[in-house]
PDB file of all heavy atoms in Angstrom:
ATOM      1  N   GLU A   1     -17.721  18.007  -2.763  1.00  0.00           N
ATOM      2  CA  GLU A   1     -18.983  17.693  -3.443  1.00  0.00           C
ATOM      3  C   GLU A   1     -18.799  17.109  -4.838  1.00  0.00           C
ATOM      4  O   GLU A   1     -19.673  16.399  -5.330  1.00  0.00           O
ATOM      5  CB  GLU A   1     -19.843  18.955  -3.528  1.00  0.00           C
ATOM      6  CG  GLU A   1     -20.251  19.499  -2.162  1.00  0.00           C
ATOM      7  CD  GLU A   1     -20.960  20.843  -2.244  1.00  0.00           C
ATOM      8  OE1 GLU A   1     -21.246  21.304  -3.380  1.00  0.00           O
ATOM      9  OE2 GLU A   1     -21.223  21.448  -1.182  1.00  0.00           O
ATOM     10  N   VAL A   2     -17.656  17.412  -5.474  1.00  0.00           N
ATOM     11  CA  VAL A   2     -17.473  16.982  -6.861  1.00  0.00           C
ATOM     12  C   VAL A   2     -16.226  16.114  -7.024  1.00  0.00           C
ATOM     13  O   VAL A   2     -16.302  14.992  -7.525  1.00  0.00           O
ATOM     14  CB  VAL A   2     -17.387  18.210  -7.810  1.00  0.00           C
ATOM     15  CG1 VAL A   2     -17.106  17.747  -9.241  1.00  0.00           C
ATOM     16  CG2 VAL A   2     -18.667  19.020  -7.753  1.00  0.00           C
ATOM     17  N   VAL A   3     -15.075  16.628  -6.614  1.00  0.00           N
ATOM     18  CA  VAL A   3     -13.809  15.976  -6.942  1.00  0.00           C
ATOM     19  C   VAL A   3     -13.690  14.601  -6.295  1.00  0.00           C
ATOM     20  O   VAL A   3     -13.389  13.607  -6.980  1.00  0.00           O
ATOM     21  CB  VAL A   3     -12.625  16.870  -6.531  1.00  0.00           C
ATOM     22  CG1 VAL A   3     -11.302  16.163  -6.795  1.00  0.00           C
ATOM     23  CG2 VAL A   3     -12.681  18.203  -7.276  1.00  0.00           C
ATOM     24  N   VAL A   4     -13.902  14.508  -4.999  1.00  0.00           N
ATOM     25  CA  VAL A   4     -13.765  13.224  -4.315  1.00  0.00           C
ATOM     26  C   VAL A   4     -14.810  12.211  -4.806  1.00  0.00           C
ATOM     27  O   VAL A   4     -14.455  11.057  -5.107  1.00  0.00           O
ATOM     28  CB  VAL A   4     -13.809  13.415  -2.785  1.00  0.00           C
ATOM     29  CG1 VAL A   4     -14.106  12.103  -2.074  1.00  0.00           C
ATOM     30  CG2 VAL A   4     -12.469  13.973  -2.301  1.00  0.00           C
ATOM     31  N   PRO A   5     -16.103  12.570  -4.942  1.00  0.00           N
ATOM     32  CA  PRO A   5     -17.049  11.610  -5.520  1.00  0.00           C
ATOM     33  C   PRO A   5     -16.688  11.214  -6.955  1.00  0.00           C
ATOM     34  O   PRO A   5     -16.798  10.039  -7.331  1.00  0.00           O
ATOM     35  CB  PRO A   5     -18.385  12.358  -5.476  1.00  0.00           C
ATOM     36  CG  PRO A   5     -18.229  13.350  -4.374  1.00  0.00           C
ATOM     37  CD  PRO A   5     -16.795  13.776  -4.424  1.00  0.00           C
ATOM     38  N   TYR A   6     -16.249  12.194  -7.756  1.00  0.00           N
ATOM     39  CA  TYR A   6     -15.863  11.901  -9.140  1.00  0.00           C
ATOM     40  C   TYR A   6     -14.692  10.931  -9.172  1.00  0.00           C
ATOM     41  O   TYR A   6     -14.681   9.958  -9.940  1.00  0.00           O
ATOM     42  CB  TYR A   6     -15.501  13.201  -9.861  1.00  0.00           C
ATOM     43  CG  TYR A   6     -15.063  13.021 -11.301  1.00  0.00           C
ATOM     44  CD1 TYR A   6     -15.988  13.075 -12.342  1.00  0.00           C
ATOM     45  CD2 TYR A   6     -13.723  12.793 -11.622  1.00  0.00           C
ATOM     46  CE1 TYR A   6     -15.584  12.908 -13.659  1.00  0.00           C
ATOM     47  CE2 TYR A   6     -13.314  12.619 -12.933  1.00  0.00           C
ATOM     48  CZ  TYR A   6     -14.250  12.682 -13.948  1.00  0.00           C
ATOM     49  OH  TYR A   6     -13.850  12.507 -15.253  1.00  0.00           O
ATOM     50  N   GLN A   7     -13.695  11.188  -8.330  1.00  0.00           N
ATOM     51  CA  GLN A   7     -12.525  10.320  -8.319  1.00  0.00           C
ATOM     52  C   GLN A   7     -12.861   8.930  -7.787  1.00  0.00           C
ATOM     53  O   GLN A   7     -12.268   7.936  -8.215  1.00  0.00           O
ATOM     54  CB  GLN A   7     -11.405  10.972  -7.511  1.00  0.00           C
ATOM     55  CG  GLN A   7     -10.850  12.230  -8.188  1.00  0.00           C
ATOM     56  CD  GLN A   7      -9.646  12.823  -7.491  1.00  0.00           C
ATOM     57  OE1 GLN A   7      -9.146  12.271  -6.510  1.00  0.00           O
ATOM     58  NE2 GLN A   7      -9.159  13.950  -7.983  1.00  0.00           N
ATOM     59  N   TRP A   8     -13.810   8.852  -6.866  1.00  0.00           N
ATOM     60  CA  TRP A   8     -14.254   7.533  -6.400  1.00  0.00           C
ATOM     61  C   TRP A   8     -14.875   6.757  -7.554  1.00  0.00           C
ATOM     62  O   TRP A   8     -14.615   5.554  -7.719  1.00  0.00           O
ATOM     63  CB  TRP A   8     -15.239   7.698  -5.258  1.00  0.00           C
ATOM     64  CG  TRP A   8     -15.794   6.412  -4.707  1.00  0.00           C
ATOM     65  CD1 TRP A   8     -17.103   6.022  -4.675  1.00  0.00           C
ATOM     66  CD2 TRP A   8     -15.059   5.345  -4.095  1.00  0.00           C
ATOM     67  NE1 TRP A   8     -17.229   4.796  -4.082  1.00  0.00           N
ATOM     68  CE2 TRP A   8     -15.982   4.348  -3.716  1.00  0.00           C
ATOM     69  CE3 TRP A   8     -13.707   5.149  -3.833  1.00  0.00           C
ATOM     70  CZ2 TRP A   8     -15.602   3.166  -3.097  1.00  0.00           C
ATOM     71  CZ3 TRP A   8     -13.324   3.953  -3.212  1.00  0.00           C
ATOM     72  CH2 TRP A   8     -14.264   2.988  -2.854  1.00  0.00           C
ATOM     73  N   ASP A   9     -15.658   7.438  -8.357  1.00  0.00           N
ATOM     74  CA  ASP A   9     -16.226   6.781  -9.540  1.00  0.00           C
ATOM     75  C   ASP A   9     -15.116   6.354 -10.504  1.00  0.00           C
ATOM     76  O   ASP A   9     -15.169   5.266 -11.091  1.00  0.00           O
ATOM     77  CB  ASP A   9     -17.201   7.720 -10.253  1.00  0.00           C
ATOM     78  CG  ASP A   9     -18.537   7.843  -9.535  1.00  0.00           C
ATOM     79  OD1 ASP A   9     -18.862   6.953  -8.718  1.00  0.00           O
ATOM     80  OD2 ASP A   9     -19.260   8.832  -9.780  1.00  0.00           O
ATOM     81  N   ALA A  10     -14.115   7.215 -10.680  1.00  0.00           N
ATOM     82  CA  ALA A  10     -13.011   6.878 -11.582  1.00  0.00           C
ATOM     83  C   ALA A  10     -12.238   5.664 -11.076  1.00  0.00           C
ATOM     84  O   ALA A  10     -11.884   4.765 -11.859  1.00  0.00           O
ATOM     85  CB  ALA A  10     -12.082   8.077 -11.733  1.00  0.00           C
ATOM     86  N   LEU A  11     -11.984   5.618  -9.786  1.00  0.00           N
ATOM     87  CA  LEU A  11     -11.243   4.496  -9.211  1.00  0.00           C
ATOM     88  C   LEU A  11     -12.029   3.193  -9.305  1.00  0.00           C
ATOM     89  O   LEU A  11     -11.451   2.098  -9.248  1.00  0.00           O
ATOM     90  CB  LEU A  11     -10.898   4.789  -7.752  1.00  0.00           C
ATOM     91  CG  LEU A  11      -9.888   5.918  -7.520  1.00  0.00           C
ATOM     92  CD1 LEU A  11      -9.807   6.258  -6.041  1.00  0.00           C
ATOM     93  CD2 LEU A  11      -8.514   5.542  -8.053  1.00  0.00           C
ATOM     94  N   ASN A  12     -13.346   3.328  -9.453  1.00  0.00           N
ATOM     95  CA  ASN A  12     -14.213   2.150  -9.602  1.00  0.00           C
ATOM     96  C   ASN A  12     -14.668   1.954 -11.043  1.00  0.00           C
ATOM     97  O   ASN A  12     -15.605   1.193 -11.307  1.00  0.00           O
ATOM     98  CB  ASN A  12     -15.427   2.278  -8.682  1.00  0.00           C
ATOM     99  CG  ASN A  12     -15.095   1.994  -7.235  1.00  0.00           C
ATOM    100  OD1 ASN A  12     -15.045   0.841  -6.815  1.00  0.00           O
ATOM    101  ND2 ASN A  12     -14.854   3.052  -6.461  1.00  0.00           N
ATOM    102  N   ASP A  13     -14.019   2.662 -11.980  1.00  0.00           N
ATOM    103  CA  ASP A  13     -14.245   2.482 -13.422  1.00  0.00           C
ATOM    104  C   ASP A  13     -15.670   2.810 -13.835  1.00  0.00           C
ATOM    105  O   ASP A  13     -16.276   2.102 -14.644  1.00  0.00           O
ATOM    106  CB  ASP A  13     -13.892   1.050 -13.847  1.00  0.00           C
ATOM    107  CG  ASP A  13     -12.483   0.661 -13.428  1.00  0.00           C
ATOM    108  OD1 ASP A  13     -11.586   1.502 -13.563  1.00  0.00           O
ATOM    109  OD2 ASP A  13     -12.291  -0.479 -12.953  1.00  0.00           O
ATOM    110  N   ARG A  14     -16.196   3.898 -13.285  1.00  0.00           N
ATOM    111  CA  ARG A  14     -17.564   4.291 -13.614  1.00  0.00           C
ATOM    112  C   ARG A  14     -17.626   5.604 -14.389  1.00  0.00           C
ATOM    113  O   ARG A  14     -18.704   6.182 -14.516  1.00  0.00           O
ATOM    114  CB  ARG A  14     -18.384   4.407 -12.324  1.00  0.00           C
ATOM    115  CG  ARG A  14     -18.541   3.087 -11.572  1.00  0.00           C
ATOM    116  CD  ARG A  14     -19.654   3.140 -10.540  1.00  0.00           C
ATOM    117  NE  ARG A  14     -19.326   3.983  -9.407  1.00  0.00           N
ATOM    118  CZ  ARG A  14     -18.982   3.520  -8.199  1.00  0.00           C
ATOM    119  NH1 ARG A  14     -18.888   2.212  -7.994  1.00  0.00           N
ATOM    120  NH2 ARG A  14     -18.723   4.347  -7.201  1.00  0.00           N
ATOM    121  N   ILE A  15     -16.503   6.107 -14.915  1.00  0.00           N
ATOM    122  CA  ILE A  15     -16.489   7.339 -15.683  1.00  0.00           C
ATOM    123  C   ILE A  15     -16.488   6.991 -17.169  1.00  0.00           C
ATOM    124  O   ILE A  15     -15.564   6.346 -17.666  1.00  0.00           O
ATOM    125  CB  ILE A  15     -15.260   8.208 -15.355  1.00  0.00           C
ATOM    126  CG1 ILE A  15     -15.249   8.551 -13.866  1.00  0.00           C
ATOM    127  CG2 ILE A  15     -15.243   9.468 -16.211  1.00  0.00           C
ATOM    128  CD1 ILE A  15     -16.402   9.416 -13.415  1.00  0.00           C
ATOM    129  N   GLU A  16     -17.523   7.410 -17.873  1.00  0.00           N
ATOM    130  CA  GLU A  16     -17.651   7.108 -19.290  1.00  0.00           C
ATOM    131  C   GLU A  16     -16.555   7.813 -20.084  1.00  0.00           C
ATOM    132  O   GLU A  16     -16.201   8.961 -19.821  1.00  0.00           O
ATOM    133  CB  GLU A  16     -19.028   7.553 -19.790  1.00  0.00           C
ATOM    134  CG  GLU A  16     -19.344   7.125 -21.209  1.00  0.00           C
ATOM    135  CD  GLU A  16     -20.757   7.515 -21.620  1.00  0.00           C
ATOM    136  OE1 GLU A  16     -21.512   8.000 -20.763  1.00  0.00           O
ATOM    137  OE2 GLU A  16     -21.085   7.342 -22.810  1.00  0.00           O
ATOM    138  N   ASN A  17     -15.995   7.098 -21.054  1.00  0.00           N
ATOM    139  CA  ASN A  17     -14.973   7.641 -21.956  1.00  0.00           C
ATOM    140  C   ASN A  17     -13.708   8.079 -21.219  1.00  0.00           C
ATOM    141  O   ASN A  17     -13.009   9.003 -21.658  1.00  0.00           O
ATOM    142  CB  ASN A  17     -15.527   8.819 -22.769  1.00  0.00           C
ATOM    143  CG  ASN A  17     -16.698   8.423 -23.643  1.00  0.00           C
ATOM    144  OD1 ASN A  17     -16.700   7.339 -24.226  1.00  0.00           O
ATOM    145  ND2 ASN A  17     -17.698   9.289 -23.734  1.00  0.00           N
ATOM    146  N   ALA A  18     -13.425   7.454 -20.103  1.00  0.00           N
ATOM    147  CA  ALA A  18     -12.192   7.729 -19.369  1.00  0.00           C
ATOM    148  C   ALA A  18     -11.390   6.434 -19.264  1.00  0.00           C
ATOM    149  O   ALA A  18     -11.954   5.333 -19.272  1.00  0.00           O
ATOM    150  CB  ALA A  18     -12.500   8.279 -17.983  1.00  0.00           C
ATOM    151  N   GLU A  19     -10.077   6.556 -19.184  1.00  0.00           N
ATOM    152  CA  GLU A  19      -9.246   5.368 -19.056  1.00  0.00           C
ATOM    153  C   GLU A  19      -9.607   4.616 -17.776  1.00  0.00           C
ATOM    154  O   GLU A  19      -9.734   5.226 -16.713  1.00  0.00           O
ATOM    155  CB  GLU A  19      -7.766   5.759 -19.015  1.00  0.00           C
ATOM    156  CG  GLU A  19      -7.234   6.292 -20.335  1.00  0.00           C
ATOM    157  CD  GLU A  19      -5.714   6.347 -20.362  1.00  0.00           C
ATOM    158  OE1 GLU A  19      -5.087   5.303 -20.079  1.00  0.00           O
ATOM    159  OE2 GLU A  19      -5.171   7.417 -20.656  1.00  0.00           O
ATOM    160  N   PRO A  20      -9.795   3.305 -17.862  1.00  0.00           N
ATOM    161  CA  PRO A  20     -10.148   2.543 -16.650  1.00  0.00           C
ATOM    162  C   PRO A  20      -9.014   2.547 -15.647  1.00  0.00           C
ATOM    163  O   PRO A  20      -7.841   2.543 -16.012  1.00  0.00           O
ATOM    164  CB  PRO A  20     -10.423   1.135 -17.190  1.00  0.00           C
ATOM    165  CG  PRO A  20      -9.664   1.060 -18.474  1.00  0.00           C
ATOM    166  CD  PRO A  20      -9.699   2.437 -19.053  1.00  0.00           C
ATOM    167  N   SER A  21      -9.364   2.528 -14.376  1.00  0.00           N
ATOM    168  CA  SER A  21      -8.374   2.542 -13.308  1.00  0.00           C
ATOM    169  C   SER A  21      -8.063   1.136 -12.806  1.00  0.00           C
ATOM    170  O   SER A  21      -6.914   0.722 -12.756  1.00  0.00           O
ATOM    171  CB  SER A  21      -8.869   3.411 -12.145  1.00  0.00           C
ATOM    172  OG  SER A  21      -8.096   3.206 -10.996  1.00  0.00           O
ATOM    173  N   GLY A  22      -9.096   0.429 -12.405  1.00  0.00           N
ATOM    174  CA  GLY A  22      -8.896  -0.911 -11.844  1.00  0.00           C
ATOM    175  C   GLY A  22      -8.343  -0.909 -10.432  1.00  0.00           C
ATOM    176  O   GLY A  22      -8.132  -1.968  -9.837  1.00  0.00           O
ATOM    177  N   ALA A  23      -8.113   0.271  -9.865  1.00  0.00           N
ATOM    178  CA  ALA A  23      -7.397   0.348  -8.587  1.00  0.00           C
ATOM    179  C   ALA A  23      -8.171  -0.281  -7.436  1.00  0.00           C
ATOM    180  O   ALA A  23      -7.614  -1.055  -6.651  1.00  0.00           O
ATOM    181  CB  ALA A  23      -7.067   1.806  -8.274  1.00  0.00           C
ATOM    182  N   VAL A  24      -9.449   0.042  -7.305  1.00  0.00           N
ATOM    183  CA  VAL A  24     -10.255  -0.562  -6.240  1.00  0.00           C
ATOM    184  C   VAL A  24     -10.478  -2.045  -6.532  1.00  0.00           C
ATOM    185  O   VAL A  24     -10.417  -2.892  -5.625  1.00  0.00           O
ATOM    186  CB  VAL A  24     -11.595   0.182  -6.084  1.00  0.00           C
ATOM    187  CG1 VAL A  24     -12.503  -0.564  -5.110  1.00  0.00           C
ATOM    188  CG2 VAL A  24     -11.357   1.614  -5.591  1.00  0.00           C
ATOM    189  N   HIS A  25     -10.688  -2.357  -7.789  1.00  0.00           N
ATOM    190  CA  HIS A  25     -10.878  -3.756  -8.182  1.00  0.00           C
ATOM    191  C   HIS A  25      -9.671  -4.599  -7.771  1.00  0.00           C
ATOM    192  O   HIS A  25      -9.829  -5.733  -7.276  1.00  0.00           O
ATOM    193  CB  HIS A  25     -11.093  -3.841  -9.697  1.00  0.00           C
ATOM    194  CG  HIS A  25     -11.159  -5.238 -10.230  1.00  0.00           C
ATOM    195  ND1 HIS A  25     -12.267  -6.043 -10.085  1.00  0.00           N
ATOM    196  CD2 HIS A  25     -10.232  -5.987 -10.894  1.00  0.00           C
ATOM    197  CE1 HIS A  25     -12.035  -7.216 -10.642  1.00  0.00           C
ATOM    198  NE2 HIS A  25     -10.810  -7.210 -11.139  1.00  0.00           N
ATOM    199  N   ASN A  26      -8.468  -4.075  -7.945  1.00  0.00           N
ATOM    200  CA  ASN A  26      -7.262  -4.824  -7.566  1.00  0.00           C
ATOM    201  C   ASN A  26      -7.282  -5.196  -6.087  1.00  0.00           C
ATOM    202  O   ASN A  26      -6.937  -6.324  -5.706  1.00  0.00           O
ATOM    203  CB  ASN A  26      -6.017  -3.986  -7.861  1.00  0.00           C
ATOM    204  CG  ASN A  26      -5.777  -3.780  -9.345  1.00  0.00           C
ATOM    205  OD1 ASN A  26      -6.261  -4.538 -10.180  1.00  0.00           O
ATOM    206  ND2 ASN A  26      -5.026  -2.738  -9.679  1.00  0.00           N
ATOM    207  N   TYR A  27      -7.664  -4.248  -5.263  1.00  0.00           N
ATOM    208  CA  TYR A  27      -7.735  -4.530  -3.821  1.00  0.00           C
ATOM    209  C   TYR A  27      -8.802  -5.585  -3.526  1.00  0.00           C
ATOM    210  O   TYR A  27      -8.609  -6.458  -2.661  1.00  0.00           O
ATOM    211  CB  TYR A  27      -8.027  -3.250  -3.041  1.00  0.00           C
ATOM    212  CG  TYR A  27      -6.796  -2.451  -2.688  1.00  0.00           C
ATOM    213  CD1 TYR A  27      -6.534  -1.240  -3.304  1.00  0.00           C
ATOM    214  CD2 TYR A  27      -5.899  -2.907  -1.732  1.00  0.00           C
ATOM    215  CE1 TYR A  27      -5.407  -0.495  -2.978  1.00  0.00           C
ATOM    216  CE2 TYR A  27      -4.769  -2.186  -1.399  1.00  0.00           C
ATOM    217  CZ  TYR A  27      -4.521  -0.977  -2.026  1.00  0.00           C
ATOM    218  OH  TYR A  27      -3.405  -0.250  -1.702  1.00  0.00           O
ATOM    219  N   LYS A  28      -9.934  -5.497  -4.213  1.00  0.00           N
ATOM    220  CA  LYS A  28     -11.001  -6.473  -3.980  1.00  0.00           C
ATOM    221  C   LYS A  28     -10.555  -7.880  -4.371  1.00  0.00           C
ATOM    222  O   LYS A  28     -10.865  -8.863  -3.681  1.00  0.00           O
ATOM    223  CB  LYS A  28     -12.255  -6.081  -4.759  1.00  0.00           C
ATOM    224  CG  LYS A  28     -12.966  -4.857  -4.202  1.00  0.00           C
ATOM    225  CD  LYS A  28     -14.216  -4.523  -5.015  1.00  0.00           C
ATOM    226  CE  LYS A  28     -14.969  -3.349  -4.401  1.00  0.00           C
ATOM    227  NZ  LYS A  28     -16.187  -2.997  -5.198  1.00  0.00           N
ATOM    228  N   VAL A  29      -9.820  -7.979  -5.478  1.00  0.00           N
ATOM    229  CA  VAL A  29      -9.312  -9.294  -5.887  1.00  0.00           C
ATOM    230  C   VAL A  29      -8.307  -9.807  -4.860  1.00  0.00           C
ATOM    231  O   VAL A  29      -8.354 -10.966  -4.430  1.00  0.00           O
ATOM    232  CB  VAL A  29      -8.664  -9.216  -7.285  1.00  0.00           C
ATOM    233  CG1 VAL A  29      -8.049 -10.576  -7.656  1.00  0.00           C
ATOM    234  CG2 VAL A  29      -9.687  -8.800  -8.331  1.00  0.00           C
ATOM    235  N   ALA A  30      -7.395  -8.936  -4.426  1.00  0.00           N
ATOM    236  CA  ALA A  30      -6.378  -9.342  -3.443  1.00  0.00           C
ATOM    237  C   ALA A  30      -6.999  -9.724  -2.106  1.00  0.00           C
ATOM    238  O   ALA A  30      -6.463 -10.569  -1.381  1.00  0.00           O
ATOM    239  CB  ALA A  30      -5.365  -8.218  -3.249  1.00  0.00           C
ATOM    240  N   ALA A  31      -8.148  -9.112  -1.799  1.00  0.00           N
ATOM    241  CA  ALA A  31      -8.842  -9.419  -0.546  1.00  0.00           C
ATOM    242  C   ALA A  31      -9.699 -10.671  -0.649  1.00  0.00           C
ATOM    243  O   ALA A  31     -10.281 -11.105   0.353  1.00  0.00           O
ATOM    244  CB  ALA A  31      -9.714  -8.229  -0.147  1.00  0.00           C
ATOM    245  N   GLY A  32      -9.791 -11.240  -1.839  1.00  0.00           N
ATOM    246  CA  GLY A  32     -10.610 -12.429  -2.029  1.00  0.00           C
ATOM    247  C   GLY A  32     -12.084 -12.128  -2.154  1.00  0.00           C
ATOM    248  O   GLY A  32     -12.925 -13.027  -2.067  1.00  0.00           O
ATOM    249  N   GLU A  33     -12.422 -10.871  -2.395  1.00  0.00           N
ATOM    250  CA  GLU A  33     -13.823 -10.475  -2.479  1.00  0.00           C
ATOM    251  C   GLU A  33     -14.426 -10.770  -3.846  1.00  0.00           C
ATOM    252  O   GLU A  33     -15.605 -11.093  -3.962  1.00  0.00           O
ATOM    253  CB  GLU A  33     -13.942  -8.983  -2.156  1.00  0.00           C
ATOM    254  CG  GLU A  33     -15.364  -8.478  -2.049  1.00  0.00           C
ATOM    255  CD  GLU A  33     -15.423  -7.060  -1.510  1.00  0.00           C
ATOM    256  OE1 GLU A  33     -14.956  -6.824  -0.374  1.00  0.00           O
ATOM    257  OE2 GLU A  33     -15.952  -6.191  -2.229  1.00  0.00           O
ATOM    258  N   VAL A  34     -13.604 -10.648  -4.898  1.00  0.00           N
ATOM    259  CA  VAL A  34     -14.046 -10.945  -6.254  1.00  0.00           C
ATOM    260  C   VAL A  34     -12.940 -11.693  -6.973  1.00  0.00           C
ATOM    261  O   VAL A  34     -11.778 -11.668  -6.557  1.00  0.00           O
ATOM    262  CB  VAL A  34     -14.403  -9.665  -7.049  1.00  0.00           C
ATOM    263  CG1 VAL A  34     -15.548  -8.901  -6.400  1.00  0.00           C
ATOM    264  CG2 VAL A  34     -13.183  -8.765  -7.210  1.00  0.00           C
ATOM    265  N   ASP A  35     -13.303 -12.351  -8.065  1.00  0.00           N
ATOM    266  CA  ASP A  35     -12.311 -13.010  -8.907  1.00  0.00           C
ATOM    267  C   ASP A  35     -11.813 -12.011  -9.947  1.00  0.00           C
ATOM    268  O   ASP A  35     -12.517 -11.076 -10.319  1.00  0.00           O
ATOM    269  CB  ASP A  35     -12.918 -14.222  -9.612  1.00  0.00           C
ATOM    270  CG  ASP A  35     -13.299 -15.324  -8.635  1.00  0.00           C
ATOM    271  OD1 ASP A  35     -12.607 -15.449  -7.603  1.00  0.00           O
ATOM    272  OD2 ASP A  35     -14.291 -16.029  -8.898  1.00  0.00           O
ATOM    273  N   GLY A  36     -10.609 -12.223 -10.420  1.00  0.00           N
ATOM    274  CA  GLY A  36     -10.084 -11.351 -11.454  1.00  0.00           C
ATOM    275  C   GLY A  36      -8.579 -11.285 -11.400  1.00  0.00           C
ATOM    276  O   GLY A  36      -7.918 -12.032 -10.667  1.00  0.00           O
ATOM    277  N   SER A  37      -8.018 -10.399 -12.199  1.00  0.00           N
ATOM    278  CA  SER A  37      -6.573 -10.228 -12.276  1.00  0.00           C
ATOM    279  C   SER A  37      -6.219  -8.762 -12.064  1.00  0.00           C
ATOM    280  O   SER A  37      -7.101  -7.894 -12.049  1.00  0.00           O
ATOM    281  CB  SER A  37      -6.051 -10.712 -13.640  1.00  0.00           C
ATOM    282  OG  SER A  37      -6.694  -9.992 -14.695  1.00  0.00           O
ATOM    283  N   PHE A  38      -4.943  -8.493 -11.921  1.00  0.00           N
ATOM    284  CA  PHE A  38      -4.475  -7.132 -11.682  1.00  0.00           C
ATOM    285  C   PHE A  38      -4.635  -6.296 -12.944  1.00  0.00           C
ATOM    286  O   PHE A  38      -4.387  -6.755 -14.058  1.00  0.00           O
ATOM    287  CB  PHE A  38      -3.007  -7.155 -11.248  1.00  0.00           C
ATOM    288  CG  PHE A  38      -2.445  -5.790 -10.960  1.00  0.00           C
ATOM    289  CD1 PHE A  38      -2.545  -5.254  -9.688  1.00  0.00           C
ATOM    290  CD2 PHE A  38      -1.839  -5.046 -11.957  1.00  0.00           C
ATOM    291  CE1 PHE A  38      -2.035  -3.986  -9.421  1.00  0.00           C
ATOM    292  CE2 PHE A  38      -1.323  -3.786 -11.699  1.00  0.00           C
ATOM    293  CZ  PHE A  38      -1.430  -3.251 -10.430  1.00  0.00           C
ATOM    294  N   HIS A  39      -5.003  -5.029 -12.749  1.00  0.00           N
ATOM    295  CA  HIS A  39      -5.111  -4.098 -13.869  1.00  0.00           C
ATOM    296  C   HIS A  39      -4.370  -2.815 -13.541  1.00  0.00           C
ATOM    297  O   HIS A  39      -4.442  -2.310 -12.417  1.00  0.00           O
ATOM    298  CB  HIS A  39      -6.585  -3.762 -14.155  1.00  0.00           C
ATOM    299  CG  HIS A  39      -6.747  -2.729 -15.237  1.00  0.00           C
ATOM    300  ND1 HIS A  39      -6.760  -3.050 -16.570  1.00  0.00           N
ATOM    301  CD2 HIS A  39      -6.869  -1.376 -15.181  1.00  0.00           C
ATOM    302  CE1 HIS A  39      -6.903  -1.951 -17.289  1.00  0.00           C
ATOM    303  NE2 HIS A  39      -6.965  -0.916 -16.465  1.00  0.00           N
ATOM    304  N   GLY A  40      -3.657  -2.280 -14.532  1.00  0.00           N
ATOM    305  CA  GLY A  40      -3.062  -0.958 -14.374  1.00  0.00           C
ATOM    306  C   GLY A  40      -1.566  -0.979 -14.173  1.00  0.00           C
ATOM    307  O   GLY A  40      -0.881  -1.976 -14.419  1.00  0.00           O
ATOM    308  N   MET A  41      -1.067   0.174 -13.729  1.00  0.00           N
ATOM    309  CA  MET A  41       0.364   0.364 -13.522  1.00  0.00           C
ATOM    310  C   MET A  41       0.832  -0.361 -12.258  1.00  0.00           C
ATOM    311  O   MET A  41       0.042  -0.669 -11.371  1.00  0.00           O
ATOM    312  CB  MET A  41       0.684   1.853 -13.379  1.00  0.00           C
ATOM    313  CG  MET A  41       0.245   2.697 -14.555  1.00  0.00           C
ATOM    314  SD  MET A  41       1.392   2.523 -15.930  1.00  0.00           S
ATOM    315  CE  MET A  41       0.840   3.857 -17.001  1.00  0.00           C
ATOM    316  N   VAL A  42       2.132  -0.548 -12.153  1.00  0.00           N
ATOM    317  CA  VAL A  42       2.708  -1.216 -10.997  1.00  0.00           C
ATOM    318  C   VAL A  42       2.443  -0.436  -9.708  1.00  0.00           C
ATOM    319  O   VAL A  42       2.437  -1.005  -8.617  1.00  0.00           O
ATOM    320  CB  VAL A  42       4.225  -1.441 -11.217  1.00  0.00           C
ATOM    321  CG1 VAL A  42       4.973  -0.119 -11.219  1.00  0.00           C
ATOM    322  CG2 VAL A  42       4.808  -2.413 -10.209  1.00  0.00           C
ATOM    323  N   PHE A  43       2.177   0.859  -9.841  1.00  0.00           N
ATOM    324  CA  PHE A  43       1.920   1.715  -8.667  1.00  0.00           C
ATOM    325  C   PHE A  43       0.446   2.070  -8.509  1.00  0.00           C
ATOM    326  O   PHE A  43       0.108   3.041  -7.842  1.00  0.00           O
ATOM    327  CB  PHE A  43       2.745   3.006  -8.767  1.00  0.00           C
ATOM    328  CG  PHE A  43       2.726   3.635 -10.134  1.00  0.00           C
ATOM    329  CD1 PHE A  43       1.635   4.353 -10.586  1.00  0.00           C
ATOM    330  CD2 PHE A  43       3.815   3.500 -10.969  1.00  0.00           C
ATOM    331  CE1 PHE A  43       1.614   4.926 -11.843  1.00  0.00           C
ATOM    332  CE2 PHE A  43       3.818   4.076 -12.235  1.00  0.00           C
ATOM    333  CZ  PHE A  43       2.713   4.791 -12.676  1.00  0.00           C
ATOM    334  N   GLN A  44      -0.440   1.265  -9.093  1.00  0.00           N
ATOM    335  CA  GLN A  44      -1.869   1.595  -9.104  1.00  0.00           C
ATOM    336  C   GLN A  44      -2.465   1.727  -7.700  1.00  0.00           C
ATOM    337  O   GLN A  44      -3.389   2.506  -7.480  1.00  0.00           O
ATOM    338  CB  GLN A  44      -2.635   0.542  -9.910  1.00  0.00           C
ATOM    339  CG  GLN A  44      -3.886   1.059 -10.587  1.00  0.00           C
ATOM    340  CD  GLN A  44      -3.581   1.897 -11.827  1.00  0.00           C
ATOM    341  OE1 GLN A  44      -2.427   2.156 -12.144  1.00  0.00           O
ATOM    342  NE2 GLN A  44      -4.614   2.323 -12.526  1.00  0.00           N
ATOM    343  N   ASP A  45      -1.925   1.007  -6.735  1.00  0.00           N
ATOM    344  CA  ASP A  45      -2.445   1.073  -5.365  1.00  0.00           C
ATOM    345  C   ASP A  45      -2.439   2.498  -4.815  1.00  0.00           C
ATOM    346  O   ASP A  45      -3.297   2.876  -4.014  1.00  0.00           O
ATOM    347  CB  ASP A  45      -1.596   0.200  -4.429  1.00  0.00           C
ATOM    348  CG  ASP A  45      -1.834  -1.285  -4.624  1.00  0.00           C
ATOM    349  OD1 ASP A  45      -2.611  -1.660  -5.515  1.00  0.00           O
ATOM    350  OD2 ASP A  45      -1.214  -2.072  -3.880  1.00  0.00           O
ATOM    351  N   SER A  46      -1.455   3.278  -5.209  1.00  0.00           N
ATOM    352  CA  SER A  46      -1.279   4.600  -4.611  1.00  0.00           C
ATOM    353  C   SER A  46      -2.426   5.547  -4.933  1.00  0.00           C
ATOM    354  O   SER A  46      -2.690   6.486  -4.171  1.00  0.00           O
ATOM    355  CB  SER A  46       0.049   5.215  -5.054  1.00  0.00           C
ATOM    356  OG  SER A  46       0.079   5.429  -6.455  1.00  0.00           O
ATOM    357  N   ASP A  47      -3.127   5.334  -6.042  1.00  0.00           N
ATOM    358  CA  ASP A  47      -4.277   6.192  -6.354  1.00  0.00           C
ATOM    359  C   ASP A  47      -5.363   6.047  -5.290  1.00  0.00           C
ATOM    360  O   ASP A  47      -6.021   7.018  -4.906  1.00  0.00           O
ATOM    361  CB  ASP A  47      -4.860   5.836  -7.724  1.00  0.00           C
ATOM    362  CG  ASP A  47      -3.918   6.165  -8.877  1.00  0.00           C
ATOM    363  OD1 ASP A  47      -2.932   6.890  -8.635  1.00  0.00           O
ATOM    364  OD2 ASP A  47      -4.166   5.695  -9.999  1.00  0.00           O
TER     365      ASP A  47
END
């Protein structure tokens, strides 16, 4: 009820005053769904 929804928000950069993740965004860019560049650590996919 809390952790998984919260982490989904974090992975989508929707948590205020928290370090941005960019993890879902990276996949969307790689899939051609949105424009943009890679963000985060070299292992960001694993999150």
